[in-house]
């Protein structure tokens, strides 16, 4: 399985989108500062993830979620979380 995930930075309230084969390990790497793109944005919260059967599907979904329409989809999907 491959996972696409969304992290929220508690420092700047922005999202980070990525994918991995091992979600737990990758999240721990983000939290401990081992990922260059998020090490200065900690603390981070995992707010969303999806599972896909192959890497091609997960990379396609990652690209979509990084587009304007993908961000609208996420905001709508996470509406109750984001509004409190």
Protein backbone atom coordinates (compact mmCIF):
# COMPACT_ATOMS: atom_id res chain seq x y z
CA UNK A 1 0.00 0.00 0.00
CA UNK A 2 0.99 3.60 -0.65
CA UNK A 3 -0.31 6.53 1.34
CA UNK A 4 -0.87 10.15 0.42
CA UNK A 5 -0.96 12.38 3.47
CA UNK A 6 -1.57 15.98 4.49
CA UNK A 7 0.25 17.56 7.40
CA UNK A 8 -0.71 20.85 8.99
CA UNK A 9 2.00 23.03 10.45
CA UNK A 10 1.05 24.51 13.80
CA UNK A 11 3.75 27.12 13.26
CA UNK A 12 2.43 28.68 10.01
CA UNK A 13 -0.97 26.92 9.64
CA UNK A 14 -0.06 25.73 6.13
CA UNK A 15 -0.40 22.27 4.67
CA UNK A 16 2.25 19.88 3.39
CA UNK A 17 1.26 17.10 0.97
CA UNK A 18 3.36 14.00 0.41
CA UNK A 19 3.23 10.28 -0.17
CA UNK A 20 4.98 7.26 1.26
CA UNK A 21 4.88 3.52 1.60
CA UNK A 22 5.25 3.65 5.40
CA UNK A 23 3.01 6.35 6.84
CA UNK A 24 3.96 5.90 10.49
CA UNK A 25 7.71 6.07 9.82
CA UNK A 26 7.37 9.05 7.47
CA UNK A 27 5.27 11.00 9.98
CA UNK A 28 7.88 10.34 12.68
CA UNK A 29 10.60 11.58 10.32
CA UNK A 30 8.64 14.80 9.78
CA UNK A 31 8.05 15.26 13.51
CA UNK A 32 11.72 14.77 14.41
CA UNK A 33 13.00 17.22 11.79
CA UNK A 34 14.57 14.68 9.42
CA UNK A 35 12.64 16.01 6.39
CA UNK A 36 14.20 19.16 4.95
CA UNK A 37 10.95 20.67 3.64
CA UNK A 38 9.16 20.54 7.00
CA UNK A 39 11.87 20.69 9.66
CA UNK A 40 11.39 24.45 10.23
CA UNK A 41 7.58 24.15 10.25
CA UNK A 42 7.21 21.89 13.29
CA UNK A 43 5.09 20.95 15.19
CA UNK A 44 3.06 19.09 12.59
CA UNK A 45 -0.27 17.30 12.76
CA UNK A 46 -1.40 14.54 10.42
CA UNK A 47 -4.85 15.70 9.33
CA UNK A 48 -5.65 13.48 6.32
CA UNK A 49 -4.46 10.40 4.50
CA UNK A 50 -5.62 8.04 1.77
CA UNK A 51 -4.39 4.57 0.86
CA UNK A 52 -3.72 3.48 -2.73
CA UNK A 53 -2.72 0.10 -4.12
CA UNK A 54 0.09 1.30 -6.35
CA UNK A 55 2.54 4.15 -6.69
CA UNK A 56 1.09 5.46 -9.96
CA UNK A 57 -2.31 6.07 -8.32
CA UNK A 58 -0.80 7.79 -5.30
CA UNK A 59 1.41 10.13 -7.37
CA UNK A 60 -1.59 11.06 -9.53
CA UNK A 61 -3.66 11.84 -6.42
CA UNK A 62 -0.81 13.82 -4.86
CA UNK A 63 -0.54 16.01 -7.96
CA UNK A 64 -4.30 16.56 -7.92
CA UNK A 65 -4.39 17.54 -4.25
CA UNK A 66 -1.69 20.15 -4.90
CA UNK A 67 -3.83 21.88 -7.56
CA UNK A 68 -6.38 24.59 -6.89
CA UNK A 69 -9.28 22.15 -7.33
CA UNK A 70 -7.56 19.59 -5.11
CA UNK A 71 -7.14 22.17 -2.36
CA UNK A 72 -10.84 23.07 -2.63
CA UNK A 73 -11.69 19.36 -2.35
CA UNK A 74 -9.56 19.05 0.79
CA UNK A 75 -11.01 22.17 2.41
CA UNK A 76 -14.52 20.85 1.75
CA UNK A 77 -13.61 17.35 2.97
CA UNK A 78 -12.01 18.72 6.15
CA UNK A 79 -14.52 21.52 6.72
CA UNK A 80 -15.52 20.46 10.23
CA UNK A 81 -11.89 19.99 11.26
CA UNK A 82 -10.76 23.34 9.85
CA UNK A 83 -13.65 25.36 11.32
CA UNK A 84 -13.47 23.73 14.73
